[in-house]
Amino acid sequence: MALTRLQRIVFGFGHVFNDLCASIWFTYLITYMMNVLKFSMGNAGNLMIIGQLADGLGTTFVGLESDRTSPGGFRGYGRRKTWHAVGSFCVLISFPFIFNPIPCAPHADEWARLIYYGPLIALFQFGWAAVQNSHLSLIPQLAETDTERTRLNSIRFAFTVASNIVVYLSAFLLLKFNELETGKQDDDSGQLSPADAESFRYLVFIVCSLGSLCTLLFHLVLKEVPNSTVEVNDNRAGINDAEEVDDGVEDRPLAAATSSASTAACTKMLSLDWLKEPQFYAIGTLYMLTRLIINVAQVYLPLLVTESFGLHKAWIAIVPLVVYFVSMLTSVLTETCHALGRNRKVANLLGLALIGGFSASAYLVQPDTVTPWQLAFPALSLGIGSSIIMIMSMSLTADLIGPDRDSSAFVYGCMSLVDKLANGVTVWIVQHTQPHMRPGGDICMKFFREIEGFGIGGFAAVAFLLTLCLLPVRIGQRRKLAAKNDGPNGYGSVERRPDA
């Protein structure tokens, strides 16, 4: 049964709390720890990698346990929604303390503060991983067609972008209000300082309040569909629509994605079976590179704005706000443009080309003569490009899973594990490359331009080449299925499928 518009919107609500927290985490954690709490550059990187390791391990654990949990979950609530509720609770009780000085001991030694924030960050990231994994695992379970999957991914990303816009707009208003209240304009440096701690305290309060409300609506309105019900519907649709599949119609049920609905039904993928599939590693690598591009660019965008280009601290909210406003518009257009949804690989190449434009322009802009208007092209390129590649990578992952919903959490868990570890290690390496670097120096100005230029550009180039290699491959074709059929459409066939 097709989802209603209300169900699609409420599905998007389910990840809003995560999106709000992730926006603050990736955009402001490093600069907050360095400039507000006065951590060294190296220890700020240590806190980031603690969180990413906890996130990655938590994602794998939740992925395995979620698939093993009975379909009814806790008292018939649904296994995905049960884990979603557990994760949301962990986020709620930990995240508010991360972006606040230690109560009664705000000036404790740095090693003591590291011990205090470390466990809080680990608990937050475990909860974040539980919410992300369970929410992603609902997509193959709720969506019956390729178009429906793309639509759910577009709605999900639209809420991600909207959440980022809320965070950046709130941050801008809070920073300006705090500046007016204290009477300090900071025109000489434009940097964050311990005086801005109160702004982040209010920002976290806004995020937790709005996120909790959206999570509550998600759990009250959306009902988890049992796998057995979806499979019956899919198999019936696959048999009835067999002629449409042969004729190349793209909007087909998931069970019809293989050459035979009945064959796909009896070729159930177990967790270990995925480790034998080459496409599992190819799509996983593409997903990892996509997350690296988006997250690393987001982490160092505020430092690029203030440290490399010397703009006022209010621009750490304005520039990301422009990026994500453009991303939201792009995600809406992607949802309505069926051509993009059906040509995912070509669309991904377009998005990666735009990311390359962002990297080149971010590096070529000269700090001595930069004006806010010169950042318009980098911001627009990053916004449009990141929106396209995120939606397409999620859609390709859903195509890979196809009708194998029972092991979908394992797939998302493994991909998220590699994603989190890659992001954590990358940021840690960057932070420890210049561990004693201080704001305002020439090295600092050049350093963050090189990260956004060569670092992000390098990730985009590798992802571009990988997408080119995937162009002739039919995403979702199983080696396990091909071994049974041993027909002309077996694994490795170069038969083109426009929607994958």
Protein backbone atom coordinates (compact mmCIF):
# COMPACT_ATOMS: atom_id res chain seq x y z
CA MET A 1 0.00 0.00 0.00
CA ALA A 2 1.37 3.40 -0.99
CA LEU A 3 2.28 5.85 1.75
CA THR A 4 0.15 8.93 2.25
CA ARG A 5 1.65 12.41 2.21
CA LEU A 6 1.20 12.66 5.99
CA GLN A 7 3.06 9.38 6.52
CA ARG A 8 5.95 10.56 4.36
CA ILE A 9 6.21 13.84 6.26
CA VAL A 10 6.04 12.13 9.65
CA PHE A 11 8.72 9.70 8.48
CA GLY A 12 10.95 12.73 7.92
CA PHE A 13 10.21 13.89 11.49
CA GLY A 14 11.87 10.72 12.77
CA HIS A 15 15.38 11.96 12.01
CA VAL A 16 14.98 15.65 12.85
CA PHE A 17 16.43 15.33 16.38
CA ASN A 18 19.47 13.57 14.93
CA ASP A 19 19.80 16.17 12.18
CA LEU A 20 19.65 19.09 14.60
CA CYS A 21 22.29 17.55 16.86
CA ALA A 22 24.50 16.53 13.93
CA SER A 23 24.41 20.08 12.57
CA ILE A 24 25.84 21.45 15.81
CA TRP A 25 28.20 18.50 16.20
CA PHE A 26 29.88 18.67 12.81
CA THR A 27 29.74 22.43 12.30
CA TYR A 28 30.59 23.76 15.74
CA LEU A 29 32.22 21.04 17.90
CA ILE A 30 35.81 21.73 16.85
CA THR A 31 35.53 25.51 16.87
CA TYR A 32 33.51 25.43 20.14
CA MET A 33 36.05 23.24 21.91
CA MET A 34 38.97 25.32 20.65
CA ASN A 35 37.62 28.86 21.05
CA VAL A 36 34.95 28.66 23.77
CA LEU A 37 36.21 25.88 26.06
CA LYS A 38 39.86 26.53 25.11
CA PHE A 39 40.85 22.95 24.33
CA SER A 40 44.04 22.48 22.34
CA MET A 41 43.65 21.65 18.65
CA GLY A 42 44.83 18.09 19.29
CA ASN A 43 42.42 17.39 22.16
CA ALA A 44 39.53 18.85 20.17
CA GLY A 45 40.34 16.22 17.55
CA ASN A 46 40.53 13.55 20.27
CA LEU A 47 36.98 14.37 21.38
CA MET A 48 35.77 14.16 17.80
CA ILE A 49 37.30 10.73 17.21
CA ILE A 50 35.91 9.42 20.53
CA GLY A 51 32.47 10.31 19.27
CA GLN A 52 33.00 8.85 15.81
CA LEU A 53 34.36 5.58 17.21
CA ALA A 54 31.39 5.27 19.57
CA ASP A 55 29.06 6.08 16.69
CA GLY A 56 30.62 3.50 14.39
CA LEU A 57 30.67 0.70 16.96
CA GLY A 58 27.16 1.60 18.11
CA THR A 59 25.92 1.54 14.53
CA THR A 60 27.28 -1.97 13.99
CA PHE A 61 25.86 -3.23 17.29
CA VAL A 62 22.43 -1.73 16.64
CA GLY A 63 22.45 -2.99 13.05
CA LEU A 64 23.00 -6.58 14.17
CA GLU A 65 20.66 -6.46 17.15
CA SER A 66 17.94 -4.65 15.24
CA ASP A 67 17.86 -7.39 12.59
CA ARG A 68 17.84 -10.06 15.32
CA THR A 69 15.04 -8.40 17.26
CA SER A 70 11.64 -9.97 16.67
CA PRO A 71 9.57 -8.05 14.06
CA GLY A 72 7.15 -6.97 16.76
CA GLY A 73 9.88 -5.32 18.82
CA PHE A 74 8.96 -4.35 22.37
CA ARG A 75 5.36 -5.47 23.02
CA GLY A 76 4.47 -5.28 19.34
CA TYR A 77 5.80 -1.73 18.91
CA GLY A 78 8.04 -2.65 15.98
CA ARG A 79 11.74 -3.51 16.10
CA ARG A 80 12.93 -0.43 14.20
CA LYS A 81 10.83 1.98 16.24
CA THR A 82 11.90 0.28 19.49
CA TRP A 83 15.57 0.95 18.75
CA HIS A 84 14.67 4.43 17.53
CA ALA A 85 13.10 5.21 20.93
CA VAL A 86 16.12 3.87 22.83
CA GLY A 87 18.50 5.99 20.77
CA SER A 88 16.40 9.14 21.12
CA PHE A 89 16.45 8.80 24.91
CA CYS A 90 20.26 8.45 24.96
CA VAL A 91 20.62 11.58 22.83
CA LEU A 92 18.27 13.57 25.04
CA ILE A 93 20.11 12.82 28.31
CA SER A 94 23.63 13.42 26.96
CA PHE A 95 23.72 16.07 24.23
CA PRO A 96 22.76 19.11 26.40
CA PHE A 97 25.85 18.59 28.58
CA ILE A 98 28.33 18.43 25.69
CA PHE A 99 27.85 22.06 24.65
CA ASN A 100 27.92 23.43 28.18
CA PRO A 101 30.88 24.12 30.48
CA ILE A 102 31.32 21.67 33.35
CA PRO A 103 28.92 22.67 36.16
CA CYS A 104 30.78 24.05 39.19
CA ALA A 105 34.17 23.48 37.51
CA PRO A 106 34.30 25.32 34.18
CA HIS A 107 38.03 26.05 34.52
CA ALA A 108 39.21 22.54 35.41
CA ASP A 109 42.42 21.18 33.90
CA GLU A 110 42.17 20.12 30.30
CA TRP A 111 42.74 16.42 31.06
CA ALA A 112 39.90 16.48 33.60
CA ARG A 113 37.55 18.11 31.12
CA LEU A 114 38.55 15.52 28.52
CA ILE A 115 37.50 12.75 30.94
CA TYR A 116 34.21 14.54 31.64
CA TYR A 117 33.19 15.13 28.02
CA GLY A 118 34.42 11.79 26.64
CA PRO A 119 31.71 9.49 28.15
CA LEU A 120 28.97 12.03 27.39
CA ILE A 121 30.05 12.15 23.77
CA ALA A 122 30.19 8.33 23.59
CA LEU A 123 26.63 8.00 24.97
CA PHE A 124 25.34 10.66 22.61
CA GLN A 125 26.91 9.02 19.58
CA PHE A 126 25.58 5.58 20.52
CA GLY A 127 22.08 7.03 20.72
CA TRP A 128 22.59 8.95 17.48
CA ALA A 129 23.68 5.73 15.74
CA ALA A 130 20.64 3.83 17.02
CA VAL A 131 18.29 6.48 15.65
CA GLN A 132 20.06 6.73 12.31
CA ASN A 133 20.24 2.99 11.71
CA SER A 134 16.65 2.25 12.68
CA HIS A 135 15.33 5.18 10.63
CA LEU A 136 17.28 4.15 7.53
CA SER A 137 16.13 0.55 7.93
CA LEU A 138 12.52 1.69 7.71
CA ILE A 139 12.99 2.93 4.12
CA PRO A 140 13.14 -0.48 2.38
CA GLN A 141 10.40 -1.66 4.75
CA LEU A 142 7.99 1.18 3.93
CA ALA A 143 8.78 1.79 0.25
CA GLU A 144 7.30 -0.54 -2.38
CA THR A 145 8.78 1.07 -5.50
CA ASP A 146 11.99 2.69 -6.67
CA THR A 147 10.26 6.05 -6.96
CA GLU A 148 8.90 5.75 -3.42
CA ARG A 149 12.38 5.06 -2.07
CA THR A 150 13.79 8.11 -3.84
CA ARG A 151 10.89 10.17 -2.52
CA LEU A 152 11.50 9.05 1.09
CA ASN A 153 15.23 9.75 0.76
CA SER A 154 14.48 13.20 -0.66
CA ILE A 155 12.05 13.98 2.17
CA ARG A 156 14.57 12.72 4.70
CA PHE A 157 17.29 14.93 3.27
CA ALA A 158 14.93 17.89 3.02
CA PHE A 159 14.33 17.63 6.76
CA THR A 160 18.09 17.32 7.28
CA VAL A 161 18.62 20.56 5.39
CA ALA A 162 15.73 22.29 7.15
CA SER A 163 17.20 21.23 10.51
CA ASN A 164 20.55 22.72 9.55
CA ILE A 165 18.84 25.95 8.54
CA VAL A 166 17.10 26.13 11.93
CA VAL A 167 20.42 25.60 13.71
CA TYR A 168 22.35 28.18 11.69
CA LEU A 169 19.62 30.81 11.85
CA SER A 170 19.30 30.31 15.61
CA ALA A 171 23.07 30.46 16.03
CA PHE A 172 23.28 33.72 14.09
CA LEU A 173 20.52 35.36 16.14
CA LEU A 174 21.92 34.13 19.45
CA LEU A 175 25.47 35.26 18.66
CA LYS A 176 24.29 38.70 17.55
CA PHE A 177 22.00 39.06 20.56
CA ASN A 178 24.79 38.06 22.95
CA GLU A 179 27.13 40.52 21.23
CA LEU A 180 24.66 43.38 21.64
CA GLU A 181 23.91 42.42 25.23
CA THR A 182 27.55 42.35 26.30
CA GLY A 183 28.44 45.40 24.21
CA LYS A 184 31.44 43.64 22.66
CA GLN A 185 31.62 43.80 18.89
CA ASP A 186 34.89 41.85 18.54
CA ASP A 187 35.61 43.65 15.29
CA ASP A 188 39.34 43.18 15.77
CA SER A 189 39.30 39.40 15.74
CA GLY A 190 35.86 38.13 14.78
CA GLN A 191 36.52 34.99 16.82
CA LEU A 192 34.38 33.02 19.22
CA SER A 193 35.33 33.34 22.89
CA PRO A 194 34.27 31.92 26.29
CA ALA A 195 31.76 34.78 26.45
CA ASP A 196 29.74 32.97 23.75
CA ALA A 197 29.11 29.91 25.94
CA GLU A 198 25.64 31.20 26.83
CA SER A 199 24.68 31.41 23.16
CA PHE A 200 25.47 27.73 22.69
CA ARG A 201 23.55 26.87 25.87
CA TYR A 202 20.39 28.42 24.44
CA LEU A 203 21.06 26.84 21.05
CA VAL A 204 21.17 23.36 22.59
CA PHE A 205 17.94 24.07 24.49
CA ILE A 206 16.20 24.99 21.21
CA VAL A 207 17.54 21.89 19.48
CA CYS A 208 16.50 19.47 22.24
CA SER A 209 13.01 20.98 22.54
CA LEU A 210 12.26 20.92 18.82
CA GLY A 211 13.89 17.53 18.30
CA SER A 212 11.92 15.92 21.13
CA LEU A 213 8.65 17.25 19.71
CA CYS A 214 9.37 15.84 16.23
CA THR A 215 10.41 12.49 17.70
CA LEU A 216 7.18 12.30 19.69
CA LEU A 217 5.09 12.97 16.56
CA PHE A 218 7.03 10.32 14.65
CA HIS A 219 6.28 7.66 17.25
CA LEU A 220 2.64 8.64 17.66
CA VAL A 221 1.66 8.83 13.98
CA LEU A 222 3.83 6.46 11.91
CA LYS A 223 3.13 2.74 12.22
CA GLU A 224 5.88 0.27 11.42
CA VAL A 225 4.85 -2.13 8.65
CA PRO A 226 5.65 -5.80 9.39
CA ASN A 227 8.05 -7.33 6.88
CA SER A 228 5.71 -10.18 6.08
CA THR A 229 2.99 -7.76 4.97
CA VAL A 230 5.33 -5.83 2.72
CA GLU A 231 6.76 -8.99 1.15
CA VAL A 232 3.30 -10.30 0.27
CA ASN A 233 2.42 -7.02 -1.38
CA ASP A 234 5.72 -6.90 -3.24
CA ASN A 235 5.48 -10.45 -4.56
CA ARG A 236 1.93 -9.91 -5.75
CA ALA A 237 2.97 -6.68 -7.47
CA GLY A 238 6.03 -8.33 -8.97
CA ILE A 239 3.96 -11.05 -10.63
CA ASN A 240 1.31 -8.69 -11.89
CA ASP A 241 3.82 -6.21 -13.25
CA ALA A 242 6.16 -8.67 -14.94
CA GLU A 243 5.38 -7.27 -18.36
CA GLU A 244 6.17 -3.74 -17.18
CA VAL A 245 9.60 -4.85 -16.00
CA ASP A 246 10.33 -6.46 -19.33
CA ASP A 247 9.26 -3.29 -21.11
CA GLY A 248 11.70 -1.18 -19.11
CA VAL A 249 9.20 0.61 -16.87
CA GLU A 250 11.23 2.11 -14.04
CA ASP A 251 8.67 2.57 -11.26
CA ARG A 252 8.55 -1.07 -10.34
CA PRO A 253 8.01 -2.93 -7.07
CA LEU A 254 11.09 -4.01 -5.14
CA ALA A 255 10.41 -7.70 -5.63
CA ALA A 256 10.43 -7.15 -9.37
CA ALA A 257 13.91 -5.66 -9.28
CA THR A 258 15.37 -9.10 -9.98
CA SER A 259 14.60 -11.29 -12.96
CA SER A 260 11.94 -13.22 -11.08
CA ALA A 261 9.93 -12.29 -8.01
CA SER A 262 9.69 -15.88 -6.87
CA THR A 263 13.41 -16.48 -7.32
CA ALA A 264 14.25 -13.31 -5.37
CA ALA A 265 11.93 -14.37 -2.57
CA CYS A 266 13.68 -17.72 -2.12
CA THR A 267 17.18 -16.18 -2.33
CA LYS A 268 17.15 -14.43 1.00
CA MET A 269 20.33 -12.54 1.87
CA LEU A 270 21.83 -13.23 5.29
CA SER A 271 24.33 -10.94 6.99
CA LEU A 272 27.36 -12.97 5.90
CA ASP A 273 26.06 -13.19 2.33
CA TRP A 274 26.50 -9.44 1.96
CA LEU A 275 30.22 -9.75 2.67
CA LYS A 276 30.55 -11.86 -0.50
CA GLU A 277 28.90 -9.27 -2.74
CA PRO A 278 31.30 -6.93 -4.64
CA GLN A 279 28.55 -4.33 -4.98
CA PHE A 280 28.33 -4.18 -1.19
CA TYR A 281 31.90 -2.84 -1.06
CA ALA A 282 31.52 -0.55 -4.07
CA ILE A 283 28.35 1.15 -2.83
CA GLY A 284 29.76 1.22 0.71
CA THR A 285 32.87 3.04 -0.50
CA LEU A 286 30.77 5.52 -2.45
CA TYR A 287 28.59 6.14 0.62
CA MET A 288 31.70 6.66 2.77
CA LEU A 289 33.19 9.17 0.31
CA THR A 290 29.88 11.04 0.16
CA ARG A 291 29.75 11.37 3.93
CA LEU A 292 33.41 12.41 4.04
CA ILE A 293 32.78 15.19 1.53
CA ILE A 294 29.74 16.54 3.36
CA ASN A 295 30.93 16.15 6.95
CA VAL A 296 34.55 17.29 6.59
CA ALA A 297 33.44 20.30 4.54
CA GLN A 298 30.91 21.09 7.27
CA VAL A 299 33.44 20.71 10.11
CA TYR A 300 35.97 23.12 8.64
CA LEU A 301 33.64 25.61 6.95
CA PRO A 302 33.41 27.85 10.08
CA LEU A 303 37.19 27.80 10.45
CA LEU A 304 37.62 28.57 6.75
CA VAL A 305 35.34 31.58 7.15
CA THR A 306 36.89 33.03 10.31
CA GLU A 307 40.50 31.80 10.27
CA SER A 308 41.35 31.74 6.55
CA PHE A 309 39.17 34.61 5.31
CA GLY A 310 39.07 36.66 8.52
CA LEU A 311 35.33 37.33 8.47
CA HIS A 312 33.33 38.17 11.58
CA LYS A 313 32.13 35.26 13.73
CA ALA A 314 28.50 35.84 12.67
CA TRP A 315 29.47 34.45 9.25
CA ILE A 316 29.98 30.97 10.76
CA ALA A 317 26.17 30.88 10.75
CA ILE A 318 25.45 32.86 7.58
CA VAL A 319 27.60 30.89 5.12
CA PRO A 320 26.36 27.43 6.25
CA LEU A 321 22.83 28.87 6.25
CA VAL A 322 23.17 29.75 2.56
CA VAL A 323 24.64 26.32 1.81
CA TYR A 324 21.78 24.44 3.40
CA PHE A 325 19.04 26.70 2.12
CA VAL A 326 20.23 25.93 -1.41
CA SER A 327 20.45 22.24 -0.44
CA MET A 328 16.83 22.24 0.68
CA LEU A 329 15.65 23.71 -2.63
CA THR A 330 17.74 21.15 -4.51
CA SER A 331 16.31 18.24 -2.52
CA VAL A 332 12.76 19.40 -3.33
CA LEU A 333 13.60 19.63 -7.03
CA THR A 334 15.23 16.20 -6.90
CA GLU A 335 12.04 14.71 -5.46
CA THR A 336 9.90 16.18 -8.24
CA CYS A 337 12.37 15.52 -11.07
CA HIS A 338 11.90 11.86 -11.99
CA ALA A 339 14.78 12.04 -14.49
CA LEU A 340 17.25 12.50 -11.62
CA GLY A 341 15.61 9.76 -9.59
CA ARG A 342 15.87 7.28 -12.46
CA ASN A 343 19.43 8.17 -13.49
CA ARG A 344 21.08 8.10 -10.10
CA LYS A 345 24.65 7.54 -11.29
CA VAL A 346 24.55 10.36 -13.84
CA ALA A 347 23.01 12.65 -11.22
CA ASN A 348 25.76 11.66 -8.79
CA LEU A 349 28.41 12.62 -11.34
CA LEU A 350 26.77 16.03 -11.69
CA GLY A 351 26.76 16.54 -7.93
CA LEU A 352 30.43 15.54 -7.63
CA ALA A 353 31.38 17.98 -10.40
CA LEU A 354 29.74 20.77 -8.39
CA ILE A 355 31.68 19.69 -5.30
CA GLY A 356 34.84 20.01 -7.37
CA GLY A 357 33.80 23.55 -8.25
CA PHE A 358 33.41 24.34 -4.55
CA SER A 359 36.87 23.01 -3.71
CA ALA A 360 38.57 24.94 -6.50
CA SER A 361 36.85 28.21 -5.67
CA ALA A 362 37.42 27.85 -1.90
CA TYR A 363 41.14 27.46 -2.48
CA LEU A 364 41.50 30.14 -5.16
CA VAL A 365 39.74 32.92 -3.21
CA GLN A 366 42.44 35.22 -1.83
CA PRO A 367 42.12 36.01 1.91
CA ASP A 368 43.60 39.51 1.51
CA THR A 369 40.87 40.69 -0.85
CA VAL A 370 37.96 38.41 0.03
CA THR A 371 34.48 39.83 0.45
CA PRO A 372 31.37 37.97 1.61
CA TRP A 373 29.97 38.07 -1.93
CA GLN A 374 32.97 36.12 -3.23
CA LEU A 375 31.83 33.19 -1.10
CA ALA A 376 28.53 32.97 -2.99
CA PHE A 377 29.77 30.56 -5.68
CA PRO A 378 31.49 28.17 -3.24
CA ALA A 379 28.39 28.17 -1.03
CA LEU A 380 26.01 27.52 -3.94
CA SER A 381 28.20 24.78 -5.40
CA LEU A 382 28.55 23.03 -2.05
CA GLY A 383 24.83 23.31 -1.31
CA ILE A 384 23.61 21.93 -4.63
CA GLY A 385 26.33 19.30 -4.95
CA SER A 386 26.04 17.91 -1.42
CA SER A 387 22.27 17.62 -1.73
CA ILE A 388 22.48 15.63 -4.96
CA ILE A 389 25.23 13.23 -3.89
CA MET A 390 23.61 12.54 -0.51
CA ILE A 391 20.23 11.67 -2.01
CA MET A 392 21.78 9.56 -4.77
CA SER A 393 24.07 7.61 -2.42
CA MET A 394 21.14 6.79 -0.14
CA SER A 395 19.02 5.74 -3.11
CA LEU A 396 21.79 3.53 -4.49
CA THR A 397 22.13 1.90 -1.08
CA ALA A 398 18.39 1.20 -1.01
CA ASP A 399 18.69 -0.22 -4.56
CA LEU A 400 21.46 -2.51 -3.33
CA ILE A 401 19.26 -3.84 -0.52
CA GLY A 402 16.22 -4.31 -2.76
CA PRO A 403 13.75 -6.82 -1.30
CA ASP A 404 16.13 -8.03 1.44
CA ARG A 405 14.61 -5.96 4.21
CA ASP A 406 15.40 -8.45 6.97
CA SER A 407 19.13 -7.69 6.67
CA SER A 408 18.83 -4.00 5.77
CA ALA A 409 19.99 -2.84 9.21
CA PHE A 410 23.19 -4.89 8.80
CA VAL A 411 23.92 -3.19 5.47
CA TYR A 412 23.31 0.30 6.84
CA GLY A 413 25.22 -0.57 9.99
CA CYS A 414 28.34 -1.66 8.12
CA MET A 415 28.27 1.35 5.84
CA SER A 416 27.76 3.72 8.74
CA LEU A 417 30.61 2.06 10.67
CA VAL A 418 33.06 2.72 7.84
CA ASP A 419 31.62 6.22 7.38
CA LYS A 420 32.05 7.16 11.06
CA LEU A 421 35.53 5.70 11.34
CA ALA A 422 36.65 7.45 8.15
CA ASN A 423 35.26 10.79 9.32
CA GLY A 424 36.75 10.47 12.80
CA VAL A 425 40.19 9.44 11.58
CA THR A 426 40.23 12.19 8.93
CA VAL A 427 39.38 14.94 11.41
CA TRP A 428 41.83 13.51 13.96
CA ILE A 429 44.64 13.54 11.39
CA VAL A 430 43.81 17.11 10.39
CA GLN A 431 43.74 18.27 14.01
CA HIS A 432 47.07 16.60 14.80
CA THR A 433 48.78 17.78 11.61
CA GLN A 434 49.14 21.24 13.17
CA PRO A 435 48.41 20.52 16.88
CA HIS A 436 50.02 23.73 18.16
CA MET A 437 48.64 26.04 15.51
CA ARG A 438 46.92 29.10 16.92
CA PRO A 439 44.27 31.32 15.29
CA GLY A 440 45.39 34.34 13.32
CA GLY A 441 48.66 33.08 11.84
CA ASP A 442 49.58 32.73 8.19
CA ILE A 443 49.84 28.95 8.53
CA CYS A 444 46.33 28.84 9.91
CA MET A 445 44.95 30.92 7.03
CA LYS A 446 46.45 28.61 4.40
CA PHE A 447 45.79 25.37 6.28
CA PHE A 448 41.98 25.42 6.20
CA ARG A 449 41.90 26.54 2.55
CA GLU A 450 43.98 23.49 1.65
CA ILE A 451 41.62 21.19 3.56
CA GLU A 452 38.55 22.43 1.68
CA GLY A 453 40.46 22.63 -1.60
CA PHE A 454 42.70 19.56 -1.89
CA GLY A 455 41.04 17.40 0.77
CA ILE A 456 37.41 17.72 -0.31
CA GLY A 457 38.43 17.92 -3.96
CA GLY A 458 40.40 14.68 -3.62
CA PHE A 459 37.46 12.83 -2.07
CA ALA A 460 35.20 14.09 -4.87
CA ALA A 461 37.64 12.96 -7.56
CA VAL A 462 37.82 9.41 -6.16
CA ALA A 463 34.01 9.25 -5.85
CA PHE A 464 33.69 10.50 -9.45
CA LEU A 465 35.93 7.71 -10.76
CA LEU A 466 34.08 5.09 -8.72
CA THR A 467 30.71 6.28 -10.06
CA LEU A 468 32.05 6.04 -13.61
CA CYS A 469 33.03 2.42 -12.93
CA LEU A 470 29.50 1.69 -11.68
CA LEU A 471 27.75 3.11 -14.77
CA PRO A 472 27.46 -0.23 -16.65
CA VAL A 473 26.64 -2.24 -13.50
CA ARG A 474 23.09 -3.15 -12.54
CA ILE A 475 22.79 -2.22 -8.87
CA GLY A 476 21.03 -4.87 -6.80
CA GLN A 477 21.97 -7.88 -8.92
CA ARG A 478 23.09 -10.62 -6.52
CA ARG A 479 26.01 -12.97 -7.03
CA LYS A 480 24.03 -15.42 -4.89
CA LEU A 481 21.07 -15.18 -7.27
CA ALA A 482 23.30 -15.39 -10.35
CA ALA A 483 24.87 -18.59 -9.02
CA LYS A 484 21.41 -20.17 -8.94
CA ASN A 485 20.24 -18.89 -12.30
CA ASP A 486 23.56 -18.88 -14.19
CA GLY A 487 21.75 -17.05 -16.97
CA PRO A 488 22.66 -14.19 -19.30
CA ASN A 489 21.59 -11.61 -16.70
CA GLY A 490 23.81 -13.00 -13.96
CA TYR A 491 26.06 -10.93 -11.78
CA GLY A 492 28.42 -8.72 -13.68
CA SER A 493 26.01 -8.19 -16.54
CA VAL A 494 26.48 -4.86 -18.23
CA GLU A 495 22.75 -4.52 -18.84
CA ARG A 496 21.90 -0.94 -18.09
CA ARG A 497 19.21 -0.01 -15.60
CA PRO A 498 18.43 3.71 -15.78
CA ASP A 499 17.07 3.97 -12.24
CA ALA A 500 20.12 2.51 -10.57
